[in-house]
Amino acid sequence: MLLNLNIIDLAVVDALDLTLEPGMSVLTGETGAGKSILLTALGLALGDRADSGYVRPNCKRAEINIEFDLADAPLARQWLLDNELDDDGLCMIRRTVSDDGRSKAYINNRPVNLQTLQSLSRLLVEIHGQHAHLTLLDDEEQRRLLDNFANNQPLLEQLNSCYQDWKHAHKELQQLIKAGSDQAAREELLRFQLEELQQLDLENFDFQALETEHNKQANLSKILSSGQQQLDILYDNDQQSVAEMLSHSIQTIAELSQYAPELNAISELLSDAEIQINEATQQLRRFLENQEADPQQLIWLENQIGVIQNLSRKHKTPPEALPELAGQLAVELDNLTHSSERIETLTVDCQRLLQDYQKLAAQLSASRQQYADLLQQRISATIKELGLPHGEFIVKLNSQPDGEPQRNGLDTIEFLISTNPGLPAKPLAKVASGGELSRISLAIQVTTSTDKTTPTMIFDEVDSGIGGGIAEIVGQKLRRLSANRQVLCVTHLPQVAAQAHQHLFVSKNQKAAVTSSSVTRLTDEQRVNEIARMLGGVTMTENTLAHAREMLESAGD
């Protein structure tokens, strides 16, 4: 469960350290006090995307730290072990957002990316937003709710993996069949292109070496004349060669060293230089003696480079990539040549994958139907408790067992509702008013939550649009839901707030023209005053206070 929430320099919160308890906790306060920023902080810590607008003005960065006890979260514990992020049963998450919009995330003080953080967060916290009744109208959301209630995720993963394999094989098969009409022309073109490329001796192809050799042959005359000139300078000129002058210097320094022994080191360096010059001269002489102009070789090199450059322009690829292109063309030609065999293989594969998919889809449909019946019974019962005594909730499944494979199965799922006796059930969007939709949404959230393993659940004003005795029932249901998990609820309803085990009050204050929000854990007497404020507004009478005490005393009965 969530043990602690620590916020630094986030929007209207300069510093907040909030300890949370098991059971049901509520956050209340005036509109605009900053309740939403606490949920924003939790969302950021759990992997929501961030931007610089979250950083408190004149601050470098915002920071959120949350701590979990994993005693009631075996799936999260195992996830941390599998990802080598475990730390003795505790889980610390830290998220920072800089004023330039960049953010960093840490799990147990080890940096992680956003995707990794989100993977863990799904096992720790589930957030039900105040606009859940709007997303409830979406077909995909209705399917997701039913599949989550039925624990169909492993089966869905198998089915969708099979679907992807079938889709890939089916697409390739259709492409091969479509290409069959102009296959002969394509094969002829590929063979011609391959023959052009194969004249390049692709096994020994080295365009850079060809260019280097061509450059040498084209400048051989200059190489020979300049090389011979350097031989004369280095050695062959008896009067002024480098070798002769160096030999004279060595002899002179050697004579002087008998008077100045420290010149011996210089003499040795000059002797080494003499050896190096003699070796370089010999190598240069051998090189020049082995060079011979070959006009035919130069012509061949120019023709070969011309052919390569023409093919490079023709295929719009660098000369160095021509062997790779030839390999690709050869593979395509081989596929076309053996396309009939490939078509036969793919046909068999598609049929096998289709049968596997249909089998999994049938299992998924059966599971959905089984749990649809249970889900509609539970939600119908809850709807009746929430002030719709004639409400009937129906989960309608339409299956097409012989249809073409689709992602998530062959079923269309639709939530229907009838709120008045004698009238047929219709889709939610066509029947339910705003208030009715809020109650139906709350009934679905509470009903589907009872079978989940998520240790912490957050409800953000999901009770909007209801009041009176219905609000009290909502509070009781949330309290019962907290019997085996932690529930955190943002509410404006005193009937809901009175049911909480822990009451947190959010207030806004202003100092030196700077606004900030703070959170206070209310004592029993403070809770009476807050419930009375929620009941009666600014002026609290003795009757209002008495009513508030009565609500608190009867909570949980």
Protein backbone atom coordinates (compact mmCIF):
# COMPACT_ATOMS: atom_id res chain seq x y z
CA MET A 1 0.00 0.00 0.00
CA LEU A 2 1.00 3.68 -0.34
CA LEU A 3 2.82 4.77 2.82
CA ASN A 4 4.06 8.25 2.07
CA LEU A 5 3.75 11.04 -0.49
CA ASN A 6 6.39 13.76 -0.50
CA ILE A 7 6.12 16.79 -2.83
CA ILE A 8 8.62 19.60 -3.33
CA ASP A 9 7.99 22.70 -5.49
CA LEU A 10 5.14 21.29 -7.56
CA ALA A 11 2.66 23.96 -8.77
CA VAL A 12 0.96 25.42 -5.65
CA VAL A 13 2.73 23.02 -3.27
CA ASP A 14 6.09 24.22 -1.98
CA ALA A 15 6.64 21.32 0.42
CA LEU A 16 4.39 18.51 1.57
CA ASP A 17 5.04 15.28 3.42
CA LEU A 18 1.90 13.15 3.71
CA THR A 19 1.68 9.84 5.57
CA LEU A 20 -1.17 7.54 4.54
CA GLU A 21 -2.83 4.75 6.47
CA PRO A 22 -4.55 1.49 5.51
CA GLY A 23 -8.27 1.50 4.90
CA MET A 24 -10.19 4.41 3.42
CA SER A 25 -8.77 7.94 3.33
CA VAL A 26 -10.60 10.99 1.99
CA LEU A 27 -9.30 14.35 0.83
CA THR A 28 -11.68 17.27 1.19
CA GLY A 29 -11.41 21.03 0.99
CA GLU A 30 -12.81 24.06 -0.74
CA THR A 31 -12.92 24.08 -4.53
CA GLY A 32 -9.55 25.26 -5.82
CA ALA A 33 -7.71 24.40 -2.60
CA GLY A 34 -5.33 22.09 -4.42
CA LYS A 35 -6.81 18.60 -4.09
CA SER A 36 -6.21 17.94 -7.78
CA ILE A 37 -2.51 18.75 -7.51
CA LEU A 38 -2.06 15.83 -5.10
CA LEU A 39 -3.47 13.50 -7.73
CA THR A 40 -1.31 15.21 -10.35
CA ALA A 41 1.72 14.51 -8.16
CA LEU A 42 0.76 10.86 -7.81
CA GLY A 43 0.19 10.63 -11.55
CA LEU A 44 3.62 12.09 -12.29
CA ALA A 45 5.30 9.74 -9.82
CA LEU A 46 3.53 6.82 -11.45
CA GLY A 47 4.62 7.69 -14.98
CA ASP A 48 2.39 10.42 -16.43
CA ARG A 49 4.09 12.70 -18.93
CA ALA A 50 5.50 15.93 -17.51
CA ASP A 51 6.28 19.45 -18.67
CA SER A 52 7.88 22.54 -17.20
CA GLY A 53 4.48 24.00 -16.27
CA TYR A 54 4.37 21.70 -13.24
CA VAL A 55 7.40 23.38 -11.64
CA ARG A 56 6.59 25.97 -8.98
CA PRO A 57 7.44 29.52 -10.18
CA ASN A 58 11.04 30.65 -9.53
CA CYS A 59 12.14 27.08 -8.78
CA LYS A 60 14.66 24.91 -10.64
CA ARG A 61 12.70 21.68 -10.45
CA ALA A 62 9.81 19.83 -8.88
CA GLU A 63 10.27 16.53 -7.06
CA ILE A 64 7.80 13.84 -6.01
CA ASN A 65 8.69 10.88 -3.79
CA ILE A 66 6.32 8.03 -2.97
CA GLU A 67 6.92 5.00 -0.79
CA PHE A 68 5.04 1.69 -0.87
CA ASP A 69 4.87 -1.28 1.46
CA LEU A 70 4.71 -4.35 -0.78
CA ALA A 71 3.37 -6.79 1.81
CA ASP A 72 0.01 -6.75 0.01
CA ALA A 73 1.46 -6.51 -3.52
CA PRO A 74 2.99 -9.89 -4.49
CA LEU A 75 2.88 -9.11 -8.20
CA ALA A 76 4.82 -5.87 -7.68
CA ARG A 77 7.36 -7.67 -5.46
CA GLN A 78 7.94 -10.27 -8.16
CA TRP A 79 8.21 -7.57 -10.82
CA LEU A 80 10.95 -5.83 -8.83
CA LEU A 81 12.81 -9.12 -8.41
CA ASP A 82 12.52 -9.93 -12.10
CA ASN A 83 13.86 -6.49 -13.02
CA GLU A 84 16.59 -6.51 -10.32
CA LEU A 85 15.11 -3.42 -8.62
CA ASP A 86 14.00 -5.01 -5.32
CA ASP A 87 14.91 -3.56 -1.92
CA ASP A 88 13.75 -5.74 1.00
CA GLY A 89 10.03 -5.43 0.41
CA LEU A 90 9.96 -1.64 0.12
CA CYS A 91 9.45 0.36 -3.03
CA MET A 92 10.63 3.97 -3.32
CA ILE A 93 9.71 5.90 -6.47
CA ARG A 94 11.16 9.34 -7.21
CA ARG A 95 10.31 11.61 -10.13
CA THR A 96 11.88 14.99 -10.87
CA VAL A 97 10.75 17.58 -13.41
CA SER A 98 13.17 20.39 -14.37
CA ASP A 99 12.16 23.89 -15.37
CA ASP A 100 13.29 23.06 -18.93
CA GLY A 101 10.69 20.27 -19.14
CA ARG A 102 13.06 17.32 -18.75
CA SER A 103 12.22 14.65 -16.20
CA LYS A 104 13.95 11.73 -14.51
CA ALA A 105 12.51 8.67 -12.75
CA TYR A 106 14.01 6.36 -10.13
CA ILE A 107 12.86 3.09 -8.57
CA ASN A 108 14.66 2.28 -5.32
CA ASN A 109 17.27 4.94 -6.20
CA ARG A 110 18.05 3.37 -9.59
CA PRO A 111 17.28 5.37 -12.73
CA VAL A 112 14.59 3.91 -15.03
CA ASN A 113 12.80 5.03 -18.17
CA LEU A 114 9.15 6.06 -18.25
CA GLN A 115 7.95 2.79 -19.76
CA THR A 116 9.56 0.77 -16.96
CA LEU A 117 8.03 3.05 -14.32
CA GLN A 118 4.57 2.69 -15.88
CA SER A 119 4.90 -1.12 -15.93
CA LEU A 120 5.47 -1.17 -12.17
CA SER A 121 2.83 1.49 -11.44
CA ARG A 122 0.05 -0.62 -12.95
CA LEU A 123 0.74 -3.22 -10.24
CA LEU A 124 0.63 -0.67 -7.40
CA VAL A 125 -2.10 1.90 -7.99
CA GLU A 126 -5.32 2.14 -9.94
CA ILE A 127 -6.83 5.60 -10.50
CA HIS A 128 -10.50 6.15 -11.29
CA GLY A 129 -10.99 9.67 -12.65
CA GLN A 130 -13.99 11.95 -12.33
CA HIS A 131 -14.62 11.68 -16.09
CA ALA A 132 -14.70 7.87 -16.13
CA HIS A 133 -18.38 7.99 -17.10
CA LEU A 134 -17.39 9.61 -20.41
CA THR A 135 -14.78 7.00 -21.34
CA LEU A 136 -17.37 4.37 -20.40
CA LEU A 137 -19.22 5.22 -23.62
CA ASP A 138 -16.28 4.00 -25.73
CA ASP A 139 -16.62 0.48 -27.18
CA GLU A 140 -12.99 -0.39 -26.50
CA GLU A 141 -13.30 0.71 -22.87
CA GLN A 142 -16.35 -1.54 -22.43
CA ARG A 143 -14.39 -4.47 -23.87
CA ARG A 144 -11.44 -3.73 -21.58
CA LEU A 145 -13.64 -3.60 -18.49
CA LEU A 146 -15.20 -6.97 -19.24
CA ASP A 147 -11.88 -8.62 -20.04
CA ASN A 148 -10.30 -7.24 -16.88
CA PHE A 149 -13.24 -8.47 -14.81
CA ALA A 150 -12.91 -11.92 -16.43
CA ASN A 151 -9.09 -12.01 -16.01
CA ASN A 152 -8.78 -12.64 -19.74
CA GLN A 153 -5.39 -10.97 -20.15
CA PRO A 154 -3.29 -14.17 -20.59
CA LEU A 155 -5.78 -15.50 -23.14
CA LEU A 156 -5.87 -12.13 -24.91
CA GLU A 157 -2.09 -12.08 -25.20
CA GLN A 158 -2.09 -15.55 -26.75
CA LEU A 159 -4.85 -14.60 -29.17
CA ASN A 160 -3.24 -11.32 -30.22
CA SER A 161 0.13 -13.00 -30.74
CA CYS A 162 -1.55 -15.57 -32.97
CA TYR A 163 -3.39 -12.75 -34.78
CA GLN A 164 -0.12 -10.93 -35.52
CA ASP A 165 1.45 -14.12 -36.92
CA TRP A 166 -1.61 -14.77 -39.09
CA LYS A 167 -1.73 -11.16 -40.28
CA HIS A 168 1.95 -11.22 -41.29
CA ALA A 169 1.64 -14.54 -43.14
CA HIS A 170 -1.66 -13.51 -44.79
CA LYS A 171 -0.20 -10.21 -46.00
CA GLU A 172 2.83 -11.91 -47.56
CA LEU A 173 0.59 -14.51 -49.19
CA GLN A 174 -1.63 -11.85 -50.74
CA GLN A 175 1.38 -9.95 -52.04
CA LEU A 176 2.78 -13.08 -53.70
CA ILE A 177 -0.55 -13.92 -55.29
CA LYS A 178 -0.94 -10.34 -56.55
CA ALA A 179 2.58 -10.36 -57.95
CA GLY A 180 1.90 -13.57 -59.87
CA SER A 181 0.43 -11.74 -62.88
CA ASP A 182 3.63 -9.81 -63.70
CA GLN A 183 6.04 -12.30 -62.17
CA ALA A 184 7.69 -13.24 -65.48
CA ALA A 185 8.50 -9.61 -66.34
CA ARG A 186 9.92 -8.99 -62.88
CA GLU A 187 12.05 -12.14 -63.03
CA GLU A 188 13.47 -11.07 -66.43
CA LEU A 189 14.33 -7.61 -65.08
CA LEU A 190 15.98 -9.03 -61.97
CA ARG A 191 18.10 -11.46 -64.02
CA PHE A 192 19.25 -8.63 -66.31
CA GLN A 193 20.15 -6.40 -63.36
CA LEU A 194 22.04 -9.23 -61.65
CA GLU A 195 24.03 -9.98 -64.81
CA GLU A 196 25.04 -6.31 -65.02
CA LEU A 197 26.20 -6.32 -61.41
CA GLN A 198 27.95 -9.69 -61.60
CA GLN A 199 30.32 -8.38 -64.32
CA LEU A 200 31.93 -6.41 -61.49
CA ASP A 201 33.46 -9.57 -59.96
CA LEU A 202 31.45 -9.02 -56.80
CA GLU A 203 33.38 -11.58 -54.73
CA ASN A 204 36.54 -9.45 -55.04
CA PHE A 205 34.82 -6.08 -55.40
CA ASP A 206 36.70 -3.18 -53.79
CA PHE A 207 35.80 0.17 -55.31
CA GLN A 208 38.17 2.13 -53.09
CA ALA A 209 41.11 -0.07 -54.14
CA LEU A 210 40.20 0.45 -57.81
CA GLU A 211 40.14 4.22 -57.36
CA THR A 212 43.50 4.12 -55.55
CA GLU A 213 45.13 2.03 -58.29
CA HIS A 214 43.67 4.25 -61.03
CA ASN A 215 44.98 7.36 -59.30
CA LYS A 216 48.44 5.80 -59.13
CA GLN A 217 48.51 4.73 -62.80
CA ALA A 218 47.23 8.11 -63.97
CA ASN A 219 50.05 9.91 -62.10
CA LEU A 220 52.86 7.38 -62.65
CA SER A 221 54.98 9.72 -64.78
CA LYS A 222 54.97 12.33 -62.01
CA ILE A 223 55.73 9.66 -59.41
CA LEU A 224 58.79 8.42 -61.34
CA SER A 225 60.25 11.86 -62.10
CA SER A 226 59.70 13.27 -58.64
CA GLY A 227 60.89 10.06 -57.02
CA GLN A 228 64.15 10.11 -58.96
CA GLN A 229 64.64 13.75 -57.99
CA GLN A 230 64.30 12.82 -54.32
CA LEU A 231 66.85 9.99 -54.77
CA ASP A 232 69.37 12.54 -56.04
CA ILE A 233 68.68 14.83 -53.09
CA LEU A 234 68.91 12.05 -50.55
CA TYR A 235 71.86 10.03 -51.82
CA ASP A 236 72.93 10.06 -55.47
CA ASN A 237 74.33 13.63 -55.59
CA ASP A 238 77.96 13.16 -54.42
CA GLN A 239 78.46 16.81 -53.53
CA GLN A 240 75.20 17.98 -51.92
CA SER A 241 73.17 14.87 -50.97
CA VAL A 242 71.55 14.63 -47.59
CA ALA A 243 73.58 11.48 -46.92
CA GLU A 244 76.88 13.20 -47.70
CA MET A 245 76.11 16.25 -45.58
CA LEU A 246 74.91 14.09 -42.69
CA SER A 247 78.07 11.95 -42.86
CA HIS A 248 80.18 15.12 -42.62
CA SER A 249 78.17 16.34 -39.60
CA ILE A 250 78.57 12.97 -37.83
CA GLN A 251 82.34 13.06 -38.36
CA THR A 252 82.62 16.65 -37.07
CA ILE A 253 80.48 16.03 -33.96
CA ALA A 254 82.48 12.85 -33.21
CA GLU A 255 85.75 14.86 -33.24
CA LEU A 256 84.26 17.50 -30.92
CA SER A 257 82.96 14.90 -28.47
CA GLN A 258 86.51 14.15 -27.32
CA TYR A 259 86.46 17.65 -25.84
CA ALA A 260 82.82 17.64 -24.83
CA PRO A 261 81.64 14.07 -23.97
CA GLU A 262 78.01 15.21 -23.69
CA LEU A 263 78.01 15.49 -27.51
CA ASN A 264 78.16 11.67 -27.73
CA ALA A 265 74.38 11.44 -27.38
CA ILE A 266 73.92 13.82 -30.32
CA SER A 267 76.39 11.83 -32.36
CA GLU A 268 74.38 8.64 -31.70
CA LEU A 269 71.13 10.32 -32.79
CA LEU A 270 72.75 11.51 -36.03
CA SER A 271 74.09 8.00 -36.68
CA ASP A 272 70.58 6.58 -36.24
CA ALA A 273 69.29 9.19 -38.67
CA GLU A 274 71.94 8.16 -41.20
CA ILE A 275 70.77 4.55 -40.98
CA GLN A 276 67.14 5.60 -41.44
CA ILE A 277 67.96 7.76 -44.50
CA ASN A 278 69.93 4.92 -46.10
CA GLU A 279 67.03 2.50 -45.52
CA ALA A 280 64.47 4.97 -46.89
CA THR A 281 66.66 5.59 -49.94
CA GLN A 282 66.94 1.86 -50.69
CA GLN A 283 63.16 1.36 -50.37
CA LEU A 284 62.46 4.34 -52.63
CA ARG A 285 64.94 3.04 -55.22
CA ARG A 286 63.36 -0.44 -55.20
CA PHE A 287 59.88 1.09 -55.53
CA LEU A 288 60.88 3.20 -58.55
CA GLU A 289 62.64 0.30 -60.23
CA ASN A 290 59.47 -1.81 -59.96
CA GLN A 291 57.16 0.82 -61.47
CA GLU A 292 56.32 0.51 -65.13
CA ALA A 293 53.70 2.41 -67.09
CA ASP A 294 50.89 0.17 -68.35
CA PRO A 295 48.52 2.08 -70.66
CA GLN A 296 46.26 -0.96 -71.09
CA GLN A 297 45.84 -1.33 -67.32
CA LEU A 298 44.96 2.38 -67.05
CA ILE A 299 42.33 2.03 -69.80
CA TRP A 300 40.86 -1.05 -68.06
CA LEU A 301 40.69 0.78 -64.74
CA GLU A 302 38.97 3.81 -66.31
CA ASN A 303 36.41 1.56 -68.04
CA GLN A 304 35.73 -0.43 -64.86
CA ILE A 305 35.24 2.70 -62.74
CA GLY A 306 32.96 4.11 -65.43
CA VAL A 307 30.81 0.97 -65.39
CA ILE A 308 30.57 1.07 -61.58
CA GLN A 309 29.59 4.76 -61.53
CA ASN A 310 26.95 4.19 -64.22
CA LEU A 311 25.43 1.31 -62.24
CA SER A 312 25.60 3.39 -59.08
CA ARG A 313 23.60 6.20 -60.72
CA LYS A 314 21.19 3.75 -62.33
CA HIS A 315 20.33 2.03 -59.05
CA LYS A 316 20.63 5.24 -56.99
CA THR A 317 23.00 3.64 -54.53
CA PRO A 318 26.63 4.36 -53.53
CA PRO A 319 29.26 2.34 -55.45
CA GLU A 320 30.31 0.59 -52.23
CA ALA A 321 26.73 -0.71 -51.73
CA LEU A 322 26.43 -2.43 -55.14
CA PRO A 323 27.39 -5.92 -53.80
CA GLU A 324 24.71 -5.58 -51.08
CA LEU A 325 22.17 -4.56 -53.73
CA ALA A 326 23.10 -7.61 -55.81
CA GLY A 327 22.46 -9.80 -52.78
CA GLN A 328 19.01 -8.26 -52.28
CA LEU A 329 18.10 -8.73 -55.94
CA ALA A 330 19.28 -12.34 -55.79
CA VAL A 331 17.07 -13.00 -52.75
CA GLU A 332 14.06 -11.44 -54.48
CA LEU A 333 14.71 -13.44 -57.64
CA ASP A 334 15.03 -16.63 -55.61
CA ASN A 335 11.75 -15.85 -53.84
CA LEU A 336 10.02 -15.25 -57.15
CA THR A 337 11.50 -18.36 -58.68
CA HIS A 338 10.24 -20.39 -55.75
CA SER A 339 7.11 -18.30 -55.18
CA SER A 340 4.80 -21.21 -55.96
CA GLU A 341 6.47 -23.20 -53.19
CA ARG A 342 6.28 -20.19 -50.86
CA ILE A 343 2.61 -19.64 -51.68
CA GLU A 344 1.91 -23.26 -50.86
CA THR A 345 3.78 -23.00 -47.55
CA LEU A 346 2.09 -19.74 -46.60
CA THR A 347 -1.33 -21.14 -47.45
CA VAL A 348 -0.75 -24.01 -45.04
CA ASP A 349 0.60 -21.61 -42.39
CA CYS A 350 -2.37 -19.26 -42.73
CA GLN A 351 -4.82 -22.12 -42.41
CA ARG A 352 -3.07 -23.46 -39.32
CA LEU A 353 -2.86 -20.02 -37.71
CA LEU A 354 -6.51 -19.34 -38.56
CA GLN A 355 -7.57 -22.55 -36.83
CA ASP A 356 -5.43 -21.68 -33.80
CA TYR A 357 -6.92 -18.18 -33.73
CA GLN A 358 -10.49 -19.44 -34.01
CA LYS A 359 -9.89 -21.89 -31.18
CA LEU A 360 -8.52 -19.14 -28.91
CA ALA A 361 -11.30 -16.75 -29.99
CA ALA A 362 -13.91 -19.36 -29.08
CA GLN A 363 -12.35 -19.78 -25.62
CA LEU A 364 -12.29 -16.01 -25.20
CA SER A 365 -15.93 -15.69 -26.26
CA ALA A 366 -16.97 -18.39 -23.81
CA SER A 367 -15.09 -16.68 -20.97
CA ARG A 368 -16.59 -13.31 -21.86
CA GLN A 369 -20.09 -14.72 -21.96
CA GLN A 370 -19.66 -16.45 -18.61
CA TYR A 371 -18.36 -13.33 -16.87
CA ALA A 372 -20.72 -11.00 -18.74
CA ASP A 373 -23.63 -12.76 -17.01
CA LEU A 374 -21.94 -12.38 -13.61
CA LEU A 375 -20.90 -8.77 -14.27
CA GLN A 376 -24.37 -7.64 -15.31
CA GLN A 377 -25.91 -9.30 -12.25
CA ARG A 378 -23.52 -7.53 -9.89
CA ILE A 379 -23.75 -4.14 -11.59
CA SER A 380 -27.55 -4.34 -11.80
CA ALA A 381 -27.71 -5.03 -8.05
CA THR A 382 -25.36 -2.10 -7.31
CA ILE A 383 -27.28 0.25 -9.60
CA LYS A 384 -30.46 -0.52 -7.69
CA GLU A 385 -28.70 0.38 -4.45
CA LEU A 386 -27.56 3.66 -6.00
CA GLY A 387 -31.05 5.01 -6.55
CA LEU A 388 -32.11 3.32 -9.80
CA PRO A 389 -34.52 0.71 -8.36
CA HIS A 390 -35.61 -0.54 -11.78
CA GLY A 391 -32.17 -0.36 -13.36
CA GLU A 392 -31.06 -3.37 -15.37
CA PHE A 393 -27.54 -3.49 -16.72
CA ILE A 394 -26.87 -5.80 -19.68
CA VAL A 395 -23.59 -6.82 -21.29
CA LYS A 396 -24.41 -7.70 -24.89
CA LEU A 397 -22.03 -9.91 -26.86
CA ASN A 398 -22.20 -10.38 -30.61
CA SER A 399 -19.81 -13.01 -31.94
CA GLN A 400 -18.79 -13.80 -35.50
CA PRO A 401 -16.97 -17.13 -35.15
CA ASP A 402 -16.37 -17.38 -38.91
CA GLY A 403 -15.24 -13.78 -39.33
CA GLU A 404 -11.78 -12.67 -40.40
CA PRO A 405 -9.35 -12.50 -37.45
CA GLN A 406 -9.28 -9.21 -35.60
CA ARG A 407 -7.27 -7.88 -32.70
CA ASN A 408 -8.88 -8.74 -29.32
CA GLY A 409 -11.16 -11.42 -30.75
CA LEU A 410 -14.30 -11.84 -32.81
CA ASP A 411 -16.75 -10.33 -30.32
CA THR A 412 -18.34 -6.91 -30.24
CA ILE A 413 -19.23 -5.90 -26.68
CA GLU A 414 -21.85 -3.32 -25.81
CA PHE A 415 -23.12 -2.12 -22.45
CA LEU A 416 -26.91 -1.57 -22.36
CA ILE A 417 -29.08 -0.09 -19.65
CA SER A 418 -32.77 0.03 -18.86
CA THR A 419 -33.77 2.42 -16.08
CA ASN A 420 -37.53 2.15 -16.38
CA PRO A 421 -39.69 -0.99 -16.26
CA GLY A 422 -41.23 -2.11 -19.52
CA LEU A 423 -38.74 -0.26 -21.70
CA PRO A 424 -36.12 -2.15 -23.73
CA ALA A 425 -32.48 -1.80 -22.84
CA LYS A 426 -30.53 0.64 -25.00
CA PRO A 427 -26.87 1.69 -25.30
CA LEU A 428 -25.62 3.89 -22.45
CA ALA A 429 -25.11 6.95 -24.67
CA LYS A 430 -28.75 6.87 -25.81
CA VAL A 431 -30.46 6.31 -22.47
CA ALA A 432 -28.57 7.49 -19.44
CA SER A 433 -28.68 11.11 -18.29
CA GLY A 434 -25.54 12.70 -16.83
CA GLY A 435 -26.52 11.82 -13.27
CA GLU A 436 -27.56 8.31 -14.19
CA LEU A 437 -24.35 7.77 -16.13
CA SER A 438 -22.28 8.87 -13.14
CA ARG A 439 -24.04 6.31 -10.92
CA ILE A 440 -23.70 3.55 -13.51
CA SER A 441 -20.02 4.36 -13.93
CA LEU A 442 -19.51 4.29 -10.16
CA ALA A 443 -21.37 0.97 -9.93
CA ILE A 444 -19.08 -0.49 -12.61
CA GLN A 445 -15.92 0.80 -10.95
CA VAL A 446 -16.86 -0.47 -7.52
CA THR A 447 -18.07 -3.83 -8.87
CA THR A 448 -15.04 -4.51 -11.05
CA SER A 449 -12.65 -3.38 -8.32
CA THR A 450 -13.66 -6.11 -5.88
CA ASP A 451 -11.88 -8.76 -7.96
CA LYS A 452 -8.63 -6.86 -8.51
CA THR A 453 -5.29 -7.33 -6.79
CA THR A 454 -4.13 -3.70 -7.02
CA PRO A 455 -3.29 -2.74 -3.40
CA THR A 456 -4.12 0.98 -3.70
CA MET A 457 -7.15 2.49 -5.44
CA ILE A 458 -7.77 6.20 -5.94
CA PHE A 459 -11.19 7.65 -6.71
CA ASP A 460 -11.14 11.25 -7.95
CA GLU A 461 -14.63 12.78 -7.44
CA VAL A 462 -16.30 9.76 -9.03
CA ASP A 463 -19.28 10.51 -6.79
CA SER A 464 -20.12 13.76 -8.61
CA GLY A 465 -23.74 14.04 -9.65
CA ILE A 466 -25.16 12.15 -6.66
CA GLY A 467 -26.18 13.13 -3.16
CA GLY A 468 -28.40 12.36 -0.18
CA GLY A 469 -28.92 8.74 0.77
CA ILE A 470 -27.28 7.53 -2.43
CA ALA A 471 -24.08 9.32 -1.46
CA GLU A 472 -24.13 7.49 1.89
CA ILE A 473 -24.43 4.16 0.10
CA VAL A 474 -21.49 5.12 -2.14
CA GLY A 475 -19.43 5.93 0.93
CA GLN A 476 -20.34 2.60 2.53
CA LYS A 477 -19.33 0.71 -0.61
CA LEU A 478 -15.99 2.50 -0.79
CA ARG A 479 -15.42 1.73 2.89
CA ARG A 480 -16.21 -1.96 2.32
CA LEU A 481 -13.88 -1.92 -0.67
CA SER A 482 -11.09 -0.74 1.67
CA ALA A 483 -11.39 -3.86 3.82
CA ASN A 484 -8.68 -5.63 1.78
CA ARG A 485 -7.01 -2.72 0.01
CA GLN A 486 -6.15 0.93 0.52
CA VAL A 487 -8.71 3.41 -0.87
CA LEU A 488 -8.00 7.11 -1.34
CA CYS A 489 -11.00 9.23 -2.33
CA VAL A 490 -11.27 12.91 -3.30
CA THR A 491 -14.83 14.01 -2.56
CA HIS A 492 -17.14 16.96 -1.92
CA LEU A 493 -19.81 14.80 -0.29
CA PRO A 494 -20.03 14.69 3.53
CA GLN A 495 -21.80 11.32 3.35
CA VAL A 496 -18.71 9.83 1.64
CA ALA A 497 -16.18 11.70 3.79
CA ALA A 498 -17.85 10.47 7.00
CA GLN A 499 -17.14 6.85 6.05
CA ALA A 500 -13.35 7.31 5.93
CA HIS A 501 -10.88 5.88 8.41
CA GLN A 502 -8.55 8.86 7.79
CA HIS A 503 -9.63 12.39 6.83
CA LEU A 504 -7.18 14.74 5.10
CA PHE A 505 -8.05 18.41 4.66
CA VAL A 506 -6.52 20.44 1.82
CA SER A 507 -6.30 24.20 2.30
CA LYS A 508 -4.80 27.10 0.42
CA ASN A 509 -2.92 29.97 2.03
CA GLN A 510 -1.10 33.06 0.80
CA LYS A 511 2.08 34.56 2.14
CA ALA A 512 3.90 37.49 0.57
CA ALA A 513 1.73 37.27 -2.57
CA VAL A 514 2.71 33.59 -3.03
CA THR A 515 -0.05 30.97 -2.93
CA SER A 516 0.57 27.48 -1.57
CA SER A 517 -1.50 24.47 -0.55
CA SER A 518 -1.13 22.33 2.53
CA VAL A 519 -2.68 19.09 3.80
CA THR A 520 -3.71 18.45 7.41
CA ARG A 521 -4.76 15.18 8.99
CA LEU A 522 -7.91 16.00 10.94
CA THR A 523 -8.56 15.00 14.53
CA ASP A 524 -11.96 13.63 15.50
CA GLU A 525 -13.23 17.06 16.53
CA GLN A 526 -11.80 18.70 13.42
CA ARG A 527 -13.58 16.07 11.34
CA VAL A 528 -16.88 17.09 12.93
CA ASN A 529 -16.28 20.69 11.88
CA GLU A 530 -15.26 19.73 8.34
CA ILE A 531 -18.27 17.42 7.85
CA ALA A 532 -20.47 20.21 9.21
CA ARG A 533 -18.92 22.67 6.75
CA MET A 534 -19.60 20.26 3.91
CA LEU A 535 -23.19 19.86 5.12
CA GLY A 536 -24.12 23.43 5.91
CA GLY A 537 -21.74 25.82 4.24
CA VAL A 538 -20.03 28.77 5.93
CA THR A 539 -22.38 29.16 8.94
CA MET A 540 -22.43 26.07 11.14
CA THR A 541 -25.31 25.66 13.57
CA GLU A 542 -25.56 23.31 16.53
CA ASN A 543 -27.93 21.17 14.45
CA THR A 544 -25.37 20.93 11.67
CA LEU A 545 -22.61 19.95 14.10
CA ALA A 546 -24.90 17.39 15.74
CA HIS A 547 -25.73 15.93 12.35
CA ALA A 548 -22.03 15.73 11.51
CA ARG A 549 -21.28 13.88 14.77
CA GLU A 550 -24.11 11.47 14.11
CA MET A 551 -22.81 10.72 10.62
CA LEU A 552 -19.33 10.03 11.94
CA GLU A 553 -20.55 7.88 14.80
CA SER A 554 -22.70 5.76 12.50
CA ALA A 555 -20.00 5.34 9.85
CA GLY A 556 -19.17 1.74 9.14
CA ASP A 557 -22.24 0.37 10.94
